[in-house]
PDB file of N, CA and C in Angstrom:
ATOM      1  N   MET A   1       0.815  -1.160   0.175  1.00  0.00           N
ATOM      2  CA  MET A   1       0.096  -0.054  -0.005  1.00  0.00           C
ATOM      3  C   MET A   1       0.534   1.168   0.110  1.00  0.00           C
ATOM      4  N   GLN A   2       1.943   1.397   0.740  1.00  0.00           N
ATOM      5  CA  GLN A   2       2.739   2.385   0.755  1.00  0.00           C
ATOM      6  C   GLN A   2       3.612   2.599  -0.340  1.00  0.00           C
ATOM      7  N   THR A   3       3.844   1.715  -0.847  1.00  0.00           N
ATOM      8  CA  THR A   3       4.441   1.751  -2.447  1.00  0.00           C
ATOM      9  C   THR A   3       3.383   2.028  -3.583  1.00  0.00           C
ATOM     10  N   ASP A   4       2.104   2.009  -3.358  1.00  0.00           N
ATOM     11  CA  ASP A   4       1.324   2.896  -4.082  1.00  0.00           C
ATOM     12  C   ASP A   4       1.136   4.350  -4.163  1.00  0.00           C
ATOM     13  N   LEU A   5       1.040   4.877  -2.943  1.00  0.00           N
ATOM     14  CA  LEU A   5       1.396   5.697  -2.757  1.00  0.00           C
ATOM     15  C   LEU A   5       2.722   6.612  -3.018  1.00  0.00           C
ATOM     16  N   VAL A   6       3.732   6.050  -3.060  1.00  0.00           N
ATOM     17  CA  VAL A   6       4.791   6.802  -3.425  1.00  0.00           C
ATOM     18  C   VAL A   6       5.094   6.702  -4.633  1.00  0.00           C
ATOM     19  N   VAL A   7       4.464   5.517  -5.562  1.00  0.00           N
ATOM     20  CA  VAL A   7       4.274   5.868  -6.950  1.00  0.00           C
ATOM     21  C   VAL A   7       3.188   6.684  -7.260  1.00  0.00           C
ATOM     22  N   LEU A   8       1.913   6.555  -6.715  1.00  0.00           N
ATOM     23  CA  LEU A   8       1.141   7.990  -7.372  1.00  0.00           C
ATOM     24  C   LEU A   8       1.595   9.290  -7.104  1.00  0.00           C
ATOM     25  N   LYS A   9       2.535   9.825  -5.645  1.00  0.00           N
ATOM     26  CA  LYS A   9       3.126  10.567  -5.698  1.00  0.00           C
ATOM     27  C   LYS A   9       4.137  11.162  -6.464  1.00  0.00           C
ATOM     28  N   ASN A  10       4.915  10.204  -7.245  1.00  0.00           N
ATOM     29  CA  ASN A  10       5.851  10.205  -8.325  1.00  0.00           C
ATOM     30  C   ASN A  10       5.247  10.734  -9.405  1.00  0.00           C
ATOM     31  N   ASN A  11       4.406   9.854  -9.664  1.00  0.00           N
ATOM     32  CA  ASN A  11       3.394   9.945 -11.309  1.00  0.00           C
ATOM     33  C   ASN A  11       2.847  11.700 -10.989  1.00  0.00           C
ATOM     34  N   PHE A  12       2.271  12.153  -9.948  1.00  0.00           N
ATOM     35  CA  PHE A  12       1.645  13.304  -9.638  1.00  0.00           C
ATOM     36  C   PHE A  12       2.986  14.555 -10.038  1.00  0.00           C
ATOM     37  N   HIS A  13       4.054  14.443  -9.047  1.00  0.00           N
ATOM     38  CA  HIS A  13       4.891  15.474  -9.325  1.00  0.00           C
ATOM     39  C   HIS A  13       5.604  15.209 -10.850  1.00  0.00           C
ATOM     40  N   GLN A  14       5.782  14.153 -11.320  1.00  0.00           N
ATOM     41  CA  GLN A  14       6.255  14.341 -13.099  1.00  0.00           C
ATOM     42  C   GLN A  14       5.251  14.899 -13.949  1.00  0.00           C
ATOM     43  N   LEU A  15       4.108  14.920 -13.251  1.00  0.00           N
ATOM     44  CA  LEU A  15       2.917  15.212 -14.423  1.00  0.00           C
ATOM     45  C   LEU A  15       2.911  16.673 -14.126  1.00  0.00           C
ATOM     46  N   ILE A  16       2.990  17.275 -13.025  1.00  0.00           N
ATOM     47  CA  ILE A  16       3.051  18.778 -12.525  1.00  0.00           C
ATOM     48  C   ILE A  16       4.529  19.327 -13.085  1.00  0.00           C
ATOM     49  N   ASP A  17       5.433  18.576 -13.222  1.00  0.00           N
ATOM     50  CA  ASP A  17       6.625  18.909 -13.757  1.00  0.00           C
ATOM     51  C   ASP A  17       6.747  19.286 -15.355  1.00  0.00           C
ATOM     52  N   ASN A  18       5.711  18.370 -15.879  1.00  0.00           N
ATOM     53  CA  ASN A  18       5.741  18.481 -17.525  1.00  0.00           C
ATOM     54  C   ASN A  18       4.446  19.429 -18.255  1.00  0.00           C
ATOM     55  N   LEU A  19       3.914  20.251 -17.140  1.00  0.00           N
ATOM     56  CA  LEU A  19       2.993  21.190 -17.378  1.00  0.00           C
ATOM     57  C   LEU A  19       3.750  22.340 -17.354  1.00  0.00           C
ATOM     58  N   ASN A  20       3.205  23.042 -18.414  1.00  0.00           N
ATOM     59  CA  ASN A  20       3.912  24.645 -18.818  1.00  0.00           C
ATOM     60  C   ASN A  20       2.755  25.525 -18.675  1.00  0.00           C
ATOM     61  N   ASP A  21       1.660  25.214 -18.835  1.00  0.00           N
ATOM     62  CA  ASP A  21       0.381  26.300 -18.609  1.00  0.00           C
ATOM     63  C   ASP A  21       0.133  26.565 -17.206  1.00  0.00           C
ATOM     64  N   ILE A  22       0.656  27.821 -16.974  1.00  0.00           N
ATOM     65  CA  ILE A  22       0.476  28.654 -15.694  1.00  0.00           C
ATOM     66  C   ILE A  22      -1.092  28.801 -15.133  1.00  0.00           C
ATOM     67  N   GLN A  23      -2.245  28.523 -16.318  1.00  0.00           N
ATOM     68  CA  GLN A  23      -3.502  28.623 -15.767  1.00  0.00           C
ATOM     69  C   GLN A  23      -3.932  27.207 -15.291  1.00  0.00           C
ATOM     70  N   VAL A  24      -3.559  26.260 -15.921  1.00  0.00           N
ATOM     71  CA  VAL A  24      -3.708  25.035 -15.596  1.00  0.00           C
ATOM     72  C   VAL A  24      -3.133  24.607 -14.284  1.00  0.00           C
ATOM     73  N   LEU A  25      -1.573  25.100 -13.712  1.00  0.00           N
ATOM     74  CA  LEU A  25      -1.069  24.972 -12.730  1.00  0.00           C
ATOM     75  C   LEU A  25      -1.977  25.455 -11.672  1.00  0.00           C
ATOM     76  N   GLU A  26      -2.037  26.853 -11.710  1.00  0.00           N
ATOM     77  CA  GLU A  26      -2.798  27.617 -10.821  1.00  0.00           C
ATOM     78  C   GLU A  26      -4.129  26.874 -10.368  1.00  0.00           C
ATOM     79  N   THR A  27      -4.796  26.319 -11.364  1.00  0.00           N
ATOM     80  CA  THR A  27      -6.204  25.832 -11.051  1.00  0.00           C
ATOM     81  C   THR A  27      -6.049  24.357 -10.353  1.00  0.00           C
ATOM     82  N   LEU A  28      -4.827  23.640 -10.610  1.00  0.00           N
ATOM     83  CA  LEU A  28      -4.418  22.829 -10.146  1.00  0.00           C
ATOM     84  C   LEU A  28      -4.255  22.617  -8.546  1.00  0.00           C
ATOM     85  N   TYR A  29      -3.552  24.141  -8.462  1.00  0.00           N
ATOM     86  CA  TYR A  29      -3.040  24.331  -6.900  1.00  0.00           C
ATOM     87  C   TYR A  29      -4.234  24.487  -6.147  1.00  0.00           C
ATOM     88  N   LYS A  30      -4.973  25.661  -6.715  1.00  0.00           N
ATOM     89  CA  LYS A  30      -6.372  25.880  -6.221  1.00  0.00           C
ATOM     90  C   LYS A  30      -7.212  24.610  -5.752  1.00  0.00           C
ATOM     91  N   LEU A  31      -7.435  23.795  -6.796  1.00  0.00           N
ATOM     92  CA  LEU A  31      -8.327  22.632  -6.437  1.00  0.00           C
ATOM     93  C   LEU A  31      -7.533  21.785  -5.277  1.00  0.00           C
ATOM     94  N   VAL A  32      -6.307  21.354  -5.160  1.00  0.00           N
ATOM     95  CA  VAL A  32      -5.398  20.916  -4.135  1.00  0.00           C
ATOM     96  C   VAL A  32      -5.473  21.483  -2.954  1.00  0.00           C
ATOM     97  N   SER A  33      -5.301  22.443  -3.031  1.00  0.00           N
ATOM     98  CA  SER A  33      -5.181  23.432  -1.666  1.00  0.00           C
ATOM     99  C   SER A  33      -7.041  23.075  -1.136  1.00  0.00           C
ATOM    100  N   SER A  34      -7.662  23.764  -1.855  1.00  0.00           N
ATOM    101  CA  SER A  34      -9.287  23.782  -1.307  1.00  0.00           C
ATOM    102  C   SER A  34      -9.427  22.416  -0.630  1.00  0.00           C
ATOM    103  N   PHE A  35      -9.247  21.274  -1.487  1.00  0.00           N
ATOM    104  CA  PHE A  35      -9.118  19.943  -0.945  1.00  0.00           C
ATOM    105  C   PHE A  35      -8.938  19.761   0.288  1.00  0.00           C
ATOM    106  N   GLN A  36      -7.477  20.036   0.311  1.00  0.00           N
ATOM    107  CA  GLN A  36      -6.845  20.026   1.779  1.00  0.00           C
ATOM    108  C   GLN A  36      -7.242  20.541   2.785  1.00  0.00           C
ATOM    109  N   ARG A  37      -7.906  21.967   2.858  1.00  0.00           N
ATOM    110  CA  ARG A  37      -8.483  22.958   3.723  1.00  0.00           C
ATOM    111  C   ARG A  37      -9.760  22.086   4.348  1.00  0.00           C
ATOM    112  N   GLU A  38     -10.728  21.456   3.108  1.00  0.00           N
ATOM    113  CA  GLU A  38     -11.809  20.945   3.480  1.00  0.00           C
ATOM    114  C   GLU A  38     -11.729  19.694   4.215  1.00  0.00           C
ATOM    115  N   GLN A  39     -10.332  18.737   4.218  1.00  0.00           N
ATOM    116  CA  GLN A  39     -10.083  17.463   4.737  1.00  0.00           C
ATOM    117  C   GLN A  39      -9.963  18.163   6.387  1.00  0.00           C
ATOM    118  N   ALA A  40      -9.376  18.916   6.229  1.00  0.00           N
ATOM    119  CA  ALA A  40      -8.485  19.635   7.875  1.00  0.00           C
ATOM    120  C   ALA A  40      -9.866  20.006   8.497  1.00  0.00           C
ATOM    121  N   THR A  41     -10.861  20.465   8.151  1.00  0.00           N
ATOM    122  CA  THR A  41     -11.641  21.208   8.651  1.00  0.00           C
ATOM    123  C   THR A  41     -12.645  20.013   9.602  1.00  0.00           C
ATOM    124  N   ASP A  42     -13.327  20.124  10.403  1.00  0.00           N
ATOM    125  CA  ASP A  42     -13.837  19.386  11.143  1.00  0.00           C
ATOM    126  C   ASP A  42     -15.570  19.761  11.243  1.00  0.00           C
ATOM    127  N   ILE A  43     -16.272  19.138  10.585  1.00  0.00           N
ATOM    128  CA  ILE A  43     -17.794  19.847  10.662  1.00  0.00           C
ATOM    129  C   ILE A  43     -18.438  20.145  11.945  1.00  0.00           C
ATOM    130  N   LEU A  44     -17.770  19.546  12.714  1.00  0.00           N
ATOM    131  CA  LEU A  44     -18.474  20.093  14.334  1.00  0.00           C
ATOM    132  C   LEU A  44     -17.925  21.435  14.694  1.00  0.00           C
ATOM    133  N   ASP A  45     -16.928  21.640  14.038  1.00  0.00           N
ATOM    134  CA  ASP A  45     -16.269  23.122  14.004  1.00  0.00           C
ATOM    135  C   ASP A  45     -17.357  24.254  14.208  1.00  0.00           C
ATOM    136  N   ASP A  46     -18.161  23.730  12.806  1.00  0.00           N
ATOM    137  CA  ASP A  46     -19.315  24.881  12.142  1.00  0.00           C
ATOM    138  C   ASP A  46     -20.370  25.016  13.187  1.00  0.00           C
ATOM    139  N   LEU A  47     -20.573  23.857  14.087  1.00  0.00           N
ATOM    140  CA  LEU A  47     -21.881  23.977  14.918  1.00  0.00           C
ATOM    141  C   LEU A  47     -22.086  24.754  16.052  1.00  0.00           C
ATOM    142  N   THR A  48     -22.997  25.585  16.131  1.00  0.00           N
ATOM    143  CA  THR A  48     -23.566  26.391  17.569  1.00  0.00           C
ATOM    144  C   THR A  48     -23.304  25.544  18.733  1.00  0.00           C
ATOM    145  N   LEU A  49     -23.168  26.256  19.697  1.00  0.00           N
ATOM    146  CA  LEU A  49     -23.577  25.469  20.951  1.00  0.00           C
ATOM    147  C   LEU A  49     -24.576  24.418  21.207  1.00  0.00           C
ATOM    148  N   PRO A  50     -25.871  25.457  20.610  1.00  0.00           N
ATOM    149  CA  PRO A  50     -27.039  24.476  21.078  1.00  0.00           C
ATOM    150  C   PRO A  50     -26.805  23.366  20.001  1.00  0.00           C
ATOM    151  N   GLN A  51     -26.758  23.669  18.699  1.00  0.00           N
ATOM    152  CA  GLN A  51     -26.445  22.500  17.828  1.00  0.00           C
ATOM    153  C   GLN A  51     -25.814  21.310  18.334  1.00  0.00           C
ATOM    154  N   GLN A  52     -24.411  21.652  19.033  1.00  0.00           N
ATOM    155  CA  GLN A  52     -23.653  20.700  19.481  1.00  0.00           C
ATOM    156  C   GLN A  52     -24.224  19.704  20.583  1.00  0.00           C
ATOM    157  N   GLN A  53     -25.044  20.339  21.456  1.00  0.00           N
ATOM    158  CA  GLN A  53     -25.641  19.729  22.807  1.00  0.00           C
ATOM    159  C   GLN A  53     -26.906  19.024  22.247  1.00  0.00           C
ATOM    160  N   ARG A  54     -27.842  19.362  20.861  1.00  0.00           N
ATOM    161  CA  ARG A  54     -28.926  18.552  20.393  1.00  0.00           C
ATOM    162  C   ARG A  54     -28.315  17.243  19.745  1.00  0.00           C
ATOM    163  N   LEU A  55     -27.078  17.643  18.901  1.00  0.00           N
ATOM    164  CA  LEU A  55     -26.286  16.220  18.475  1.00  0.00           C
ATOM    165  C   LEU A  55     -26.056  15.291  19.710  1.00  0.00           C
ATOM    166  N   GLN A  56     -25.194  15.884  20.525  1.00  0.00           N
ATOM    167  CA  GLN A  56     -24.872  15.097  21.809  1.00  0.00           C
ATOM    168  C   GLN A  56     -26.150  14.601  22.113  1.00  0.00           C
ATOM    169  N   GLN A  57     -27.185  15.229  22.370  1.00  0.00           N
ATOM    170  CA  GLN A  57     -28.365  14.276  23.159  1.00  0.00           C
ATOM    171  C   GLN A  57     -28.902  13.354  21.884  1.00  0.00           C
ATOM    172  N   SER A  58     -29.165  13.648  21.252  1.00  0.00           N
ATOM    173  CA  SER A  58     -29.241  12.622  20.030  1.00  0.00           C
ATOM    174  C   SER A  58     -28.502  11.285  19.738  1.00  0.00           C
ATOM    175  N   LEU A  59     -27.084  11.662  19.965  1.00  0.00           N
ATOM    176  CA  LEU A  59     -26.535  10.310  20.180  1.00  0.00           C
ATOM    177  C   LEU A  59     -26.515   9.677  21.417  1.00  0.00           C
ATOM    178  N   GLN A  60     -27.029  10.245  22.500  1.00  0.00           N
ATOM    179  CA  GLN A  60     -27.077   9.524  24.017  1.00  0.00           C
ATOM    180  C   GLN A  60     -28.414   8.666  23.705  1.00  0.00           C
ATOM    181  N   GLN A  61     -29.473   9.577  22.994  1.00  0.00           N
ATOM    182  CA  GLN A  61     -30.797   8.517  22.791  1.00  0.00           C
ATOM    183  C   GLN A  61     -30.624   7.512  21.809  1.00  0.00           C
ATOM    184  N   SER A  62     -30.087   7.944  20.886  1.00  0.00           N
ATOM    185  CA  SER A  62     -29.569   6.529  19.987  1.00  0.00           C
ATOM    186  C   SER A  62     -29.192   5.466  20.609  1.00  0.00           C
ATOM    187  N   GLU A  63     -28.527   5.806  21.768  1.00  0.00           N
ATOM    188  CA  GLU A  63     -28.173   4.348  22.651  1.00  0.00           C
ATOM    189  C   GLU A  63     -28.734   3.640  23.167  1.00  0.00           C
ATOM    190  N   ASN A  64     -29.730   4.252  23.662  1.00  0.00           N
ATOM    191  CA  ASN A  64     -30.826   3.358  24.055  1.00  0.00           C
ATOM    192  C   ASN A  64     -31.849   2.675  23.074  1.00  0.00           C
ATOM    193  N   LEU A  65     -31.378   1.127  23.127  1.00  0.00           N
ATOM    194  CA  LEU A  65     -32.265   0.594  22.194  1.00  0.00           C
ATOM    195  C   LEU A  65     -33.690   0.448  22.586  1.00  0.00           C
ATOM    196  N   ALA A  66     -33.970   0.352  23.476  1.00  0.00           N
ATOM    197  CA  ALA A  66     -35.548   0.543  23.889  1.00  0.00           C
ATOM    198  C   ALA A  66     -36.335   1.452  23.315  1.00  0.00           C
ATOM    199  N   SER A  67     -35.431   2.856  22.816  1.00  0.00           N
ATOM    200  CA  SER A  67     -36.677   3.932  22.531  1.00  0.00           C
ATOM    201  C   SER A  67     -36.302   4.053  20.814  1.00  0.00           C
ATOM    202  N   LEU A  68     -35.499   3.093  20.169  1.00  0.00           N
ATOM    203  CA  LEU A  68     -35.314   3.198  18.714  1.00  0.00           C
ATOM    204  C   LEU A  68     -36.648   2.507  18.104  1.00  0.00           C
ATOM    205  N   HIS A  69     -36.677   3.188  17.026  1.00  0.00           N
ATOM    206  CA  HIS A  69     -37.973   2.267  16.078  1.00  0.00           C
ATOM    207  C   HIS A  69     -37.612   1.494  15.042  1.00  0.00           C
ATOM    208  N   THR A  70     -38.416   0.434  14.762  1.00  0.00           N
ATOM    209  CA  THR A  70     -37.732  -0.386  13.722  1.00  0.00           C
ATOM    210  C   THR A  70     -38.205  -0.097  12.115  1.00  0.00           C
ATOM    211  N   HIS A  71     -37.592  -0.353  11.302  1.00  0.00           N
ATOM    212  CA  HIS A  71     -38.324   0.299   9.795  1.00  0.00           C
ATOM    213  C   HIS A  71     -39.575  -0.023   9.607  1.00  0.00           C
ATOM    214  N   ASP A  72     -39.937  -1.127   9.942  1.00  0.00           N
ATOM    215  CA  ASP A  72     -41.317  -1.709   9.812  1.00  0.00           C
ATOM    216  C   ASP A  72     -42.158  -0.668  10.443  1.00  0.00           C
ATOM    217  N   ASN A  73     -41.966  -0.673  12.095  1.00  0.00           N
ATOM    218  CA  ASN A  73     -42.825   0.308  12.552  1.00  0.00           C
ATOM    219  C   ASN A  73     -42.852   1.973  11.957  1.00  0.00           C
ATOM    220  N   VAL A  74     -41.907   2.281  11.615  1.00  0.00           N
ATOM    221  CA  VAL A  74     -42.031   3.794  11.018  1.00  0.00           C
ATOM    222  C   VAL A  74     -42.593   3.732   9.822  1.00  0.00           C
ATOM    223  N   LYS A  75     -42.387   2.507   8.829  1.00  0.00           N
ATOM    224  CA  LYS A  75     -43.477   2.436   7.818  1.00  0.00           C
ATOM    225  C   LYS A  75     -44.867   2.373   8.085  1.00  0.00           C
ATOM    226  N   HIS A  76     -45.258   1.675   9.063  1.00  0.00           N
ATOM    227  CA  HIS A  76     -46.589   1.742   9.827  1.00  0.00           C
ATOM    228  C   HIS A  76     -47.263   2.864  10.129  1.00  0.00           C
ATOM    229  N   GLU A  77     -46.343   3.541  11.167  1.00  0.00           N
ATOM    230  CA  GLU A  77     -46.752   4.798  11.403  1.00  0.00           C
ATOM    231  C   GLU A  77     -46.894   5.797  10.309  1.00  0.00           C
ATOM    232  N   ILE A  78     -45.938   5.903   9.190  1.00  0.00           N
ATOM    233  CA  ILE A  78     -46.563   7.085   8.073  1.00  0.00           C
ATOM    234  C   ILE A  78     -47.427   6.442   7.490  1.00  0.00           C
ATOM    235  N   GLN A  79     -47.815   5.511   7.492  1.00  0.00           N
ATOM    236  CA  GLN A  79     -48.751   5.268   6.449  1.00  0.00           C
ATOM    237  C   GLN A  79     -50.199   5.432   7.214  1.00  0.00           C
ATOM    238  N   GLN A  80     -49.939   5.132   8.630  1.00  0.00           N
ATOM    239  CA  GLN A  80     -51.192   5.709   9.453  1.00  0.00           C
ATOM    240  C   GLN A  80     -51.380   6.978   9.358  1.00  0.00           C
ATOM    241  N   TRP A  81     -50.356   7.906   9.227  1.00  0.00           N
ATOM    242  CA  TRP A  81     -50.529   9.496   9.187  1.00  0.00           C
ATOM    243  C   TRP A  81     -51.044   9.740   7.873  1.00  0.00           C
ATOM    244  N   LEU A  82     -50.989   9.197   6.885  1.00  0.00           N
ATOM    245  CA  LEU A  82     -51.283   9.387   5.608  1.00  0.00           C
ATOM    246  C   LEU A  82     -52.522   9.268   5.348  1.00  0.00           C
ATOM    247  N   THR A  83     -53.127   7.989   6.147  1.00  0.00           N
ATOM    248  CA  THR A  83     -54.428   7.751   5.907  1.00  0.00           C
ATOM    249  C   THR A  83     -55.350   8.301   6.805  1.00  0.00           C
ATOM    250  N   GLN A  84     -55.133   9.303   7.344  1.00  0.00           N
ATOM    251  CA  GLN A  84     -55.959   9.803   8.617  1.00  0.00           C
ATOM    252  C   GLN A  84     -56.702  10.986   8.094  1.00  0.00           C
TER     253      GLN A  84
END
């Protein structure tokens, strides 16, 4: 697996070294930089405190198996709502 990574990096470097169009290089640079920033960003960092608290509450509720509904149960409930 590590060998694949090294080969891919070498191929990418070679590809970049052979490019002479500055616009293409700038576009590639912006694309890779943007992707790298997105990968480094944790979606939880963008949540407000109430959103974080609600998420934590939902996670705790999901751990209580007694409070969970089966797929069939939910389908049945939806069918009842639709026919009322």
